[in-house]
Structures are given as C-alpha cells and as structure tokens.
Protein backbone atom coordinates (compact mmCIF):
# COMPACT_ATOMS: atom_id res chain seq x y z
CA MET A 1 108.21 116.46 116.54
CA SER A 2 109.33 112.89 117.24
CA THR A 3 110.57 110.49 114.32
CA THR A 4 111.65 107.70 116.13
CA ARG A 5 109.74 105.35 114.16
CA TYR A 6 112.70 105.60 111.24
CA THR A 7 115.19 103.04 111.35
CA VAL A 8 117.80 105.49 109.66
CA PRO A 9 118.96 108.92 110.34
CA ILE A 10 116.77 111.83 109.03
CA PRO A 11 118.81 114.49 107.83
CA GLU A 12 118.50 117.80 109.71
CA SER A 13 117.37 119.66 106.68
CA THR A 14 114.20 117.34 105.86
CA GLN A 15 111.16 118.96 106.49
CA ILE A 16 109.09 117.11 109.09
CA LEU A 17 105.32 117.04 108.62
CA GLU A 18 103.35 116.81 111.66
CA THR A 19 99.39 117.21 110.32
CA ARG A 20 97.60 115.73 107.52
CA GLU A 21 96.78 119.36 106.67
CA GLN A 22 100.46 120.05 105.92
CA LEU A 23 100.86 116.65 103.88
CA ASN A 24 98.02 117.70 102.05
CA ASP A 25 99.66 121.11 101.28
CA MET A 26 102.67 119.93 100.05
CA ALA A 27 100.66 117.31 98.04
CA MET A 28 98.94 120.17 96.31
CA GLN A 29 102.34 121.92 95.59
CA TYR A 30 103.93 118.72 94.42
CA PRO A 31 100.85 117.00 92.07
CA LEU A 32 102.97 114.11 90.90
CA GLY A 33 104.61 113.33 94.07
CA THR A 34 103.99 110.05 96.28
CA VAL A 35 103.75 108.89 99.83
CA ASP A 36 106.04 105.99 100.18
CA ASP A 37 106.38 103.65 103.22
CA ARG A 38 109.71 102.77 104.06
CA ASN A 39 112.27 102.61 106.68
CA GLY A 40 109.34 102.61 109.46
CA GLY A 41 107.67 105.66 108.59
CA TYR A 42 106.47 107.51 105.48
CA TYR A 43 108.16 109.70 102.89
CA LEU A 44 106.64 112.11 100.46
CA LEU A 45 108.78 112.14 97.41
CA ASP A 46 108.66 114.00 94.19
CA HIS A 47 107.82 112.43 90.73
CA ASP A 48 111.96 111.95 90.58
CA ALA A 49 112.04 110.19 94.04
CA THR A 50 113.53 113.17 95.61
CA VAL A 51 112.41 113.14 99.14
CA LEU A 52 110.27 116.06 99.85
CA ALA A 53 109.44 115.53 103.55
CA ILE A 54 108.84 113.04 105.83
CA ALA A 55 105.96 112.24 108.36
CA SER A 56 106.51 112.57 112.35
CA ASP A 57 105.40 109.73 114.42
CA SER A 58 102.15 111.06 115.29
CA LEU A 59 101.33 111.38 111.52
CA CYS A 60 102.55 108.28 110.74
CA GLU A 61 100.16 106.83 113.19
CA GLU A 62 97.31 108.28 111.21
CA LEU A 63 98.35 107.23 108.10
CA ASP A 64 98.81 103.84 109.51
CA ALA A 65 95.20 103.60 110.38
CA SER A 66 94.17 104.97 106.96
CA MET A 67 96.31 102.33 105.12
CA GLU A 68 94.89 99.75 107.49
CA ALA A 69 91.21 100.85 106.63
CA ALA A 70 91.76 101.13 102.71
CA LYS A 71 93.05 97.68 103.25
CA ARG A 72 90.08 96.27 105.03
CA TYR A 73 87.60 98.21 102.63
CA HIS A 74 89.65 97.00 99.73
CA SER A 75 89.61 93.23 100.68
CA SER A 76 86.28 93.08 101.49
CA HIS A 77 84.87 94.85 98.11
CA SER A 78 87.28 93.32 95.72
CA GLU A 79 84.66 92.21 93.21
CA PRO A 80 85.60 92.27 89.72
CA VAL A 81 84.59 95.76 88.19
CA GLU A 82 82.03 95.31 85.52
CA GLU A 83 81.16 97.97 82.94
CA SER A 84 77.83 99.59 83.51
CA GLU A 85 75.69 102.47 81.98
CA ASP A 86 76.51 104.53 84.81
CA VAL A 87 80.26 104.68 83.86
CA ALA A 88 81.01 106.76 80.64
CA PRO A 89 84.43 105.36 79.47
CA GLN A 90 83.79 107.93 76.22
CA SER A 91 83.96 110.71 78.78
CA ILE A 92 87.10 109.42 80.47
CA GLU A 93 88.76 109.16 77.00
CA GLU A 94 87.63 112.60 75.64
CA ALA A 95 88.99 114.15 78.81
CA SER A 96 92.54 112.55 78.61
CA PRO A 97 92.94 111.15 75.07
CA GLY A 98 95.75 108.65 75.13
CA LEU A 99 94.51 106.67 78.57
CA SER A 100 92.79 103.46 78.10
CA LYS A 101 88.97 103.55 78.80
CA ARG A 102 89.54 101.98 82.39
CA SER A 103 92.69 104.37 83.41
CA CYS A 104 92.23 106.96 85.92
CA SER A 105 92.60 110.34 84.20
CA HIS A 106 93.48 112.32 87.61
CA PRO A 107 97.21 111.94 88.48
CA ARG A 108 96.73 111.96 92.48
CA CYS A 109 93.67 109.78 92.35
CA HIS A 110 93.41 108.81 96.28
CA THR A 111 90.13 106.74 95.60
CA HIS A 112 91.57 104.22 92.70
CA ALA A 113 90.46 101.32 94.90
CA LEU A 114 87.03 102.79 94.97
CA CYS A 115 86.79 104.51 91.32
CA ARG A 116 84.91 102.39 89.01
CA ALA A 117 87.07 103.35 86.03
CA TYR A 118 90.43 102.62 87.58
CA SER A 119 92.52 99.75 86.26
CA ASP A 120 96.09 100.89 87.03
CA CYS A 121 97.92 104.37 87.75
CA HIS A 122 99.11 105.81 84.51
CA ILE A 123 101.95 107.93 86.23
CA HIS A 124 103.55 105.19 88.59
CA GLY A 125 102.20 101.61 87.47
CA ASP A 126 104.13 99.83 90.18
CA THR A 127 102.87 101.76 93.21
CA PRO A 128 99.44 103.30 93.52
CA VAL A 129 99.23 106.99 94.65
C-alpha cells in the first residue's frame, strides 16, 4: 500500500483504502462524509471533518481520472438548467420538506452535475459531495 503522493506524514493508525469498493463501503457507513483532495491525495472525512481514511496512491490515480472526467463532462455540458415538464419540483419538496425546489434531496448525491434538480449541496454548500 503506497502513500507516497501525500505531502504530509500519514499517522500509522489511519486506515488506507486501496479499492473503490472499500471507499464505497466506508461511504455507506458514513453517509454524511465527504471525499476531500488535499496534501496530494484524497481523504475520506466524516461530517465534522474527522479523517476516517485516506486513499492509497493507486486509488488516488483512479479518483484523479474520475475527477478529470467529471470536469470534462461538466465543461462540455455547462448549459443553464431550465425547468421542464420532465422535472417534478413538487415531488422534491414533498419528499424533503424545507429544501428548495432546485436542491438535491439526497445527502450524498454523486451526480449533482448531472441532476436536473440540483442547485447546490444542502449539506456542504462550499464543497460539493
């Protein structure tokens, strides 16, 4: 398990995730957690910014590729979202009262760039999940 990408020492007690499956499993255990890129790698953080785990170098490469693909997709599909008949804003409000019509109602929405009802993450407004 290599962690040479990180620019700061990693404490020995920190769990190191080697596969996307391990990352997904941890994400299921901590549904309010986020993945943050810092210090040359990726950290899985709990809702209070506690470090839960870090990604190994090989998993970082996979996440880098995913992030780059998402950026490319977003830059080529950055048209403004328009309300249409196939979007049911009333359903979103009914399912999650208190959220605006254009807010994502899923706390770990991984497809926020593709979600036609998305406007901003209601959990971490400054960092999309």
